[in-house]
Structure formats: structure tokens, C-alpha cells
Amino acid sequence: MAYPITKDQFVEEWVVAFQRGETYLKESVTTEEVLSGLTAKFALQAAAGRMTSRGTNGLIPSRNRTDTQPTVTLEEKHSKETRTGFDVFTAPANVREAMQNAGANAAAREIDYTIIDALATATNQYNSGSAITLTYGKTVDALSELFEADVMVGNQITCLWTPKAWARLLTFQEFKSADYVDEKVLVGMTLDRPKIWLGAKHIMHNGLPGKGTATASNFIFAKPAVGHAIAQDNIQVGVGYNDEDDYSFSRHTIFDGATILQQAGVIEVVTDDTAAFS
């Protein structure tokens, strides 16, 4: 029989809830740091097209430029938390540190969500938007549609997959074999690490729309196809203590926005994340 009077022991260290604490996508898109202002404009150079022959008048025709200037409107986003002095005093671990860590993680995740929201406006869909079960052939076919739009490997192509789609890729011998990739994906704890395959960078991301459902969104895109603008300070951090009302605060702020600069460089691949694995 247990003794009726017991003692509680609290570990003075937080066990952090599962969450992403970094941005995976910022380096995969065209980024513009904004000094000040509400909007950021990207200078998009138009394709040159084919060359021409000299005209019947003996002159070489001059090409008219069709450059464009896509605009990104910045939005302010905050993660703020306050705790009273009594909360800090009675907490089993360092609440101030936990507040700061949570805000930093939220800001990093928000950058990815901003870019994903922009990707979700893609007008090009593989298989006309009908959900598929990934195969090696279909993966190559989806990439070929990007190549047909003149997007080449040198444009830094990224393939963004849900966890289930990524798991499907791991069943392809071509995805995990050293005959196809330099990095041996099954060595150590590297199952979720981004890797280069078929001339593209493949990333698993758990923040994609519809993940785990029968209509999950995955994206294949080129770096010049998506623009992300963010204030020069990137993540602004304000932490401190209010002596008058006895509370500690932590605030993380970003000003950012994203848009698709070239629809031809983005393809949405809808997959059935509920499909059984053999």
C-alpha cells in the first residue's frame, strides 16, 4: 500500500511540444529584404523568344521588351506572450526562456506559411488536379512538365512533399539508391533530410495544405518563380519586464509577404495521403 503523504518533484527544464522551429523554404525562393515601405517590387525580365531574320527593307527588326514588375504587399505578424511575476515565480521551469523560444519558433514557421500560402495560388496542376498515388514514373512526369515550361535544373528546383508523399518516395529504389543519388538517405537519422535527386532539391514539410488527407497538396517550383519579401531586420525581438504591473513579456514580429512571380514555374501535385502502402 502506498504511503498517503507523497512528495512531488519537478524537473527544472522544459520538455518542448512537437513543433517546427526553423524555416525550410526561405532559401528556396527569391528573397528581397525591404528597408522600408508597404510593398516590394520584383523586376521580372521577360523571355527573349526566337531570333529573327533581316526584314525586306534591309533592317533587322528590333524586339520590344515585355518586362513586368510583380508586387508583394507586406503584412505585420506578431507572436506576443505575457506572464505575471507570480506565474514566473510559481512555474516549475524558466517561463521567460520558454516564452522567447516559442516566439522564435512561431516566427520561423510563419515565414514558411507565408510562402506556402503563395504556392497554394498556383494555377498549374499535375493530372488536372486529381489526386494521385506517387510512383517513380509520375514523379519524373511531373518534373517534366516544369521542364516543358523552360524551367531547367539551373533555376534551382524544389519539390515540397507531405510526410506521406515523402514516405512514398522512400519506397522507390531510385530515390534511396546510391546509383541515383550521392547521399545515402537511409544512413543514420537522415530520413527527413532534404536531398538532391533528379536535379531538384526534395524537402519533406508538415505544413502543406491537406496533409494526411485524400487531397494533399505538394509543390514543385523553381526559385525564380516565387518571391518573398521581408523587412531587413527579418525577425524583430522585444523582451523585457514591466515593473509597474509586474509582468514579463516576449514579442516577436515580422513584416513579410510572398507571391508567385511566374506561374509557369510552379506545379501543384495533389496526392492521396490515405492510400495504403504495400
Protein backbone atom coordinates (compact mmCIF):
# COMPACT_ATOMS: atom_id res chain seq x y z
CA MET A 1 0.00 0.00 0.00
CA ALA A 2 1.37 3.43 -0.98
CA TYR A 3 2.20 5.89 1.75
CA PRO A 4 -0.63 8.51 1.93
CA ILE A 5 1.65 11.55 2.08
CA THR A 6 3.68 11.99 -1.10
CA LYS A 7 6.18 14.47 -2.44
CA ASP A 8 6.15 15.98 -5.93
CA GLN A 9 9.42 16.55 -7.74
CA PHE A 10 9.51 18.98 -10.69
CA VAL A 11 12.23 18.88 -13.30
CA GLU A 12 13.57 22.39 -13.86
CA GLU A 13 13.73 22.01 -17.63
CA TRP A 14 11.01 22.24 -20.26
CA VAL A 15 10.04 19.32 -22.45
CA VAL A 16 9.13 21.18 -25.64
CA ALA A 17 5.97 20.25 -27.54
CA PHE A 18 6.48 18.97 -31.07
CA GLN A 19 6.77 21.90 -33.46
CA ARG A 20 8.86 23.20 -36.33
CA GLY A 21 11.40 25.74 -35.20
CA GLU A 22 13.05 26.77 -38.45
CA THR A 23 12.20 27.90 -41.95
CA TYR A 24 12.86 25.34 -44.67
CA LEU A 25 11.73 27.44 -47.62
CA LYS A 26 13.32 30.88 -47.35
CA GLU A 27 16.40 29.78 -49.31
CA SER A 28 14.29 28.05 -51.97
CA VAL A 29 12.60 31.24 -53.23
CA THR A 30 13.71 34.65 -54.49
CA THR A 31 14.04 36.82 -51.38
CA GLU A 32 14.03 40.61 -51.22
CA GLU A 33 14.91 42.41 -47.99
CA VAL A 34 12.91 45.61 -47.61
CA LEU A 35 14.43 48.68 -45.96
CA SER A 36 11.07 50.42 -45.53
CA GLY A 37 7.71 50.65 -47.25
CA LEU A 38 4.47 48.74 -47.65
CA THR A 39 5.31 46.92 -50.87
CA ALA A 40 8.27 45.30 -52.59
CA LYS A 41 8.55 45.14 -56.38
CA PHE A 42 10.44 42.39 -58.18
CA ALA A 43 11.95 43.13 -61.61
CA LEU A 44 10.93 40.22 -63.84
CA GLN A 45 12.80 40.02 -67.13
CA ALA A 46 10.68 38.65 -69.97
CA ALA A 47 11.77 35.75 -72.18
CA ALA A 48 13.54 36.81 -75.36
CA GLY A 49 11.87 34.39 -77.76
CA ARG A 50 13.39 33.30 -81.07
CA MET A 51 15.76 35.29 -83.22
CA THR A 52 14.54 36.92 -86.44
CA SER A 53 15.78 37.38 -89.97
CA ARG A 54 16.58 40.70 -91.57
CA GLY A 55 13.48 42.39 -92.95
CA THR A 56 12.70 43.04 -96.63
CA ASN A 57 13.62 46.66 -96.06
CA GLY A 58 17.15 45.59 -95.21
CA LEU A 59 16.78 46.40 -91.49
CA ILE A 60 17.00 43.99 -88.56
CA PRO A 61 13.71 44.02 -86.61
CA SER A 62 14.01 45.33 -83.06
CA ARG A 63 12.39 43.40 -80.24
CA ASN A 64 10.08 45.18 -77.80
CA ARG A 65 10.65 44.33 -74.14
CA THR A 66 7.77 42.90 -72.12
CA ASP A 67 9.32 43.02 -68.66
CA THR A 68 6.98 43.11 -65.66
CA GLN A 69 7.18 44.18 -62.03
CA PRO A 70 5.25 41.83 -59.70
CA THR A 71 4.43 43.39 -56.35
CA VAL A 72 4.39 41.88 -52.87
CA THR A 73 2.46 43.63 -50.12
CA LEU A 74 3.94 43.20 -46.67
CA GLU A 75 1.84 42.31 -43.63
CA GLU A 76 2.77 42.68 -39.98
CA LYS A 77 2.64 39.49 -37.92
CA HIS A 78 3.28 39.10 -34.22
CA SER A 79 3.78 36.45 -31.59
CA LYS A 80 3.36 38.00 -28.14
CA GLU A 81 3.12 36.45 -24.71
CA THR A 82 2.95 37.94 -21.22
CA ARG A 83 3.23 36.28 -17.84
CA THR A 84 2.78 37.85 -14.41
CA GLY A 85 5.53 37.85 -11.86
CA PHE A 86 3.53 35.32 -9.85
CA ASP A 87 3.35 32.99 -12.87
CA VAL A 88 7.11 33.24 -13.31
CA PHE A 89 7.72 32.63 -9.61
CA THR A 90 5.46 29.57 -9.36
CA ALA A 91 6.41 27.91 -12.69
CA PRO A 92 8.43 24.69 -12.42
CA ALA A 93 10.91 25.88 -15.09
CA ASN A 94 12.14 29.11 -16.69
CA VAL A 95 8.98 30.64 -18.19
CA ARG A 96 10.80 33.65 -19.66
CA GLU A 97 13.08 31.39 -21.67
CA ALA A 98 10.10 29.31 -22.82
CA MET A 99 8.28 32.46 -23.98
CA GLN A 100 11.26 33.58 -26.06
CA ASN A 101 11.79 30.14 -27.61
CA ALA A 102 8.11 29.85 -28.52
CA GLY A 103 8.09 33.24 -30.21
CA ALA A 104 11.23 32.48 -32.24
CA ASN A 105 9.77 29.16 -33.42
CA ALA A 106 6.46 30.81 -34.35
CA ALA A 107 8.22 33.48 -36.42
CA ALA A 108 10.30 30.92 -38.31
CA ARG A 109 7.23 28.83 -39.07
CA GLU A 110 5.29 31.89 -40.22
CA ILE A 111 7.81 32.59 -42.98
CA ASP A 112 7.18 29.09 -44.36
CA TYR A 113 3.40 29.51 -44.07
CA THR A 114 3.61 32.79 -45.99
CA ILE A 115 5.48 31.09 -48.84
CA ILE A 116 3.16 28.05 -48.78
CA ASP A 117 0.10 30.33 -48.96
CA ALA A 118 1.60 31.85 -52.10
CA LEU A 119 2.32 28.41 -53.59
CA ALA A 120 -1.31 27.46 -52.98
CA THR A 121 -2.35 30.05 -55.58
CA ALA A 122 -0.64 28.02 -58.33
CA THR A 123 -2.73 27.65 -61.47
CA ASN A 124 -0.83 24.67 -62.90
CA GLN A 125 -1.78 21.27 -61.52
CA TYR A 126 -0.39 17.88 -62.40
CA ASN A 127 -3.01 15.38 -63.61
CA SER A 128 -5.52 18.26 -63.80
CA GLY A 129 -5.57 18.44 -60.01
CA SER A 130 -6.89 14.90 -59.48
CA ALA A 131 -5.24 13.09 -56.58
CA ILE A 132 -2.61 10.50 -57.47
CA THR A 133 -0.57 7.89 -55.68
CA LEU A 134 3.05 8.75 -56.34
CA THR A 135 5.16 6.43 -58.44
CA TYR A 136 8.65 6.94 -59.76
CA GLY A 137 7.23 7.47 -63.24
CA LYS A 138 4.68 10.05 -62.12
CA THR A 139 7.32 11.95 -60.15
CA VAL A 140 9.53 12.18 -63.22
CA ASP A 141 6.50 13.10 -65.35
CA ALA A 142 5.56 15.97 -63.00
CA LEU A 143 9.09 17.32 -63.19
CA SER A 144 9.00 17.06 -66.98
CA GLU A 145 6.00 19.43 -67.05
CA LEU A 146 8.18 22.02 -65.35
CA PHE A 147 10.91 21.44 -67.92
CA GLU A 148 8.37 21.88 -70.72
CA ALA A 149 7.82 25.41 -69.41
CA ASP A 150 11.54 26.13 -69.97
CA VAL A 151 12.37 25.74 -66.28
CA MET A 152 15.72 23.99 -66.14
CA VAL A 153 17.83 22.50 -63.38
CA GLY A 154 19.96 25.63 -63.15
CA ASN A 155 16.90 27.51 -61.87
CA GLN A 156 17.14 25.59 -58.55
CA ILE A 157 14.06 23.41 -58.48
CA THR A 158 12.44 22.44 -55.17
CA CYS A 159 9.99 19.60 -54.63
CA LEU A 160 7.92 20.05 -51.48
CA TRP A 161 6.30 16.86 -50.17
CA THR A 162 3.93 15.98 -47.33
CA PRO A 163 5.24 13.38 -44.86
CA LYS A 164 3.14 10.65 -46.53
CA ALA A 165 4.31 11.61 -50.02
CA TRP A 166 7.90 11.61 -48.73
CA ALA A 167 7.37 8.18 -47.26
CA ARG A 168 6.13 7.05 -50.68
CA LEU A 169 9.33 8.37 -52.25
CA LEU A 170 11.32 6.27 -49.81
CA THR A 171 9.77 3.15 -51.32
CA PHE A 172 11.37 3.95 -54.71
CA GLN A 173 14.66 2.21 -55.25
CA GLU A 174 15.68 5.13 -57.46
CA PHE A 175 15.17 7.59 -54.57
CA LYS A 176 17.26 5.78 -51.98
CA SER A 177 19.87 4.05 -54.13
CA ALA A 178 23.42 5.39 -54.27
CA ASP A 179 23.30 4.66 -58.00
CA TYR A 180 20.94 7.63 -58.37
CA VAL A 181 22.00 9.94 -55.52
CA ASP A 182 25.26 10.78 -53.78
CA GLU A 183 23.66 10.99 -50.35
CA LYS A 184 22.72 7.66 -48.82
CA VAL A 185 19.35 8.58 -47.37
CA LEU A 186 18.97 5.55 -45.09
CA VAL A 187 22.26 6.07 -43.26
CA GLY A 188 21.74 7.29 -39.70
CA MET A 189 18.98 9.78 -38.85
CA THR A 190 18.61 11.25 -42.34
CA LEU A 191 15.16 10.04 -43.38
CA ASP A 192 13.70 13.56 -43.27
CA ARG A 193 16.75 15.46 -44.50
CA PRO A 194 16.42 17.41 -47.78
CA LYS A 195 18.23 15.72 -50.64
CA ILE A 196 19.13 16.36 -54.27
CA TRP A 197 17.53 13.91 -56.70
CA LEU A 198 16.66 14.18 -60.39
CA GLY A 199 18.27 17.61 -60.44
CA ALA A 200 15.90 19.01 -57.79
CA LYS A 201 16.02 19.57 -54.03
CA HIS A 202 13.39 17.43 -52.27
CA ILE A 203 12.07 18.58 -48.90
CA MET A 204 9.56 16.98 -46.54
CA HIS A 205 7.27 19.58 -44.95
CA ASN A 206 4.46 19.02 -42.45
CA GLY A 207 2.82 22.40 -43.07
CA LEU A 208 1.37 21.71 -46.52
CA PRO A 209 -2.38 22.08 -47.18
CA GLY A 210 -4.40 18.88 -46.81
CA LYS A 211 -1.55 16.79 -45.40
CA GLY A 212 -2.74 13.34 -44.37
CA THR A 213 -5.95 13.60 -46.42
CA ALA A 214 -7.05 12.19 -49.77
CA THR A 215 -6.31 15.57 -51.41
CA ALA A 216 -2.93 16.67 -50.07
CA SER A 217 -1.06 19.47 -51.85
CA ASN A 218 2.59 19.07 -52.83
CA PHE A 219 4.51 21.61 -54.87
CA ILE A 220 7.27 21.57 -57.46
CA PHE A 221 8.67 25.02 -58.16
CA ALA A 222 11.71 26.94 -59.33
CA LYS A 223 13.40 29.59 -57.21
CA PRO A 224 12.74 32.45 -59.70
CA ALA A 225 9.04 31.53 -59.74
CA VAL A 226 8.27 32.63 -56.17
CA GLY A 227 9.13 35.92 -54.46
CA HIS A 228 9.29 36.50 -50.72
CA ALA A 229 9.80 39.97 -49.26
CA ILE A 230 10.70 40.58 -45.64
CA ALA A 231 11.75 43.59 -43.59
CA GLN A 232 15.51 43.98 -43.39
CA ASP A 233 15.57 43.15 -39.67
CA ASN A 234 13.89 39.82 -40.51
CA ILE A 235 12.63 38.85 -37.05
CA GLN A 236 12.28 41.71 -34.55
CA VAL A 237 12.51 40.63 -30.93
CA GLY A 238 11.33 42.55 -27.89
CA VAL A 239 11.65 41.03 -24.42
CA GLY A 240 11.51 42.69 -21.03
CA TYR A 241 9.81 43.31 -17.72
CA ASN A 242 7.12 45.82 -16.76
CA ASP A 243 7.84 46.88 -13.20
CA GLU A 244 4.61 48.85 -12.70
CA ASP A 245 2.29 45.90 -13.33
CA ASP A 246 4.81 43.13 -12.59
CA TYR A 247 4.76 41.10 -15.78
CA SER A 248 7.32 39.78 -18.22
CA PHE A 249 6.73 39.93 -21.96
CA SER A 250 8.15 38.47 -25.13
CA ARG A 251 7.27 39.74 -28.60
CA HIS A 252 8.50 38.53 -31.98
CA THR A 253 7.48 40.46 -35.10
CA ILE A 254 7.98 40.06 -38.84
CA PHE A 255 6.85 42.15 -41.80
CA ASP A 256 6.69 39.90 -44.86
CA GLY A 257 4.72 38.73 -47.86
CA ALA A 258 5.05 36.35 -50.81
CA THR A 259 3.65 35.86 -54.29
CA ILE A 260 4.12 33.71 -57.36
CA LEU A 261 6.23 35.69 -59.81
CA GLN A 262 5.91 33.21 -62.68
CA GLN A 263 3.03 30.74 -62.70
CA ALA A 264 4.84 28.61 -65.29
CA GLY A 265 7.43 27.76 -62.64
CA VAL A 266 5.03 26.25 -60.08
CA ILE A 267 3.14 22.95 -60.30
CA GLU A 268 0.81 21.61 -57.63
CA VAL A 269 0.81 17.84 -57.29
CA VAL A 270 -2.23 16.52 -55.39
CA THR A 271 -1.63 13.16 -53.72
CA ASP A 272 -3.80 10.73 -51.81
CA ASP A 273 -2.13 10.60 -48.40
CA THR A 274 -4.63 8.00 -47.25
CA ALA A 275 -3.57 5.39 -49.82
CA ALA A 276 -2.27 2.18 -48.29
CA PHE A 277 1.36 1.15 -48.56
CA SER A 278 2.19 -2.26 -49.94
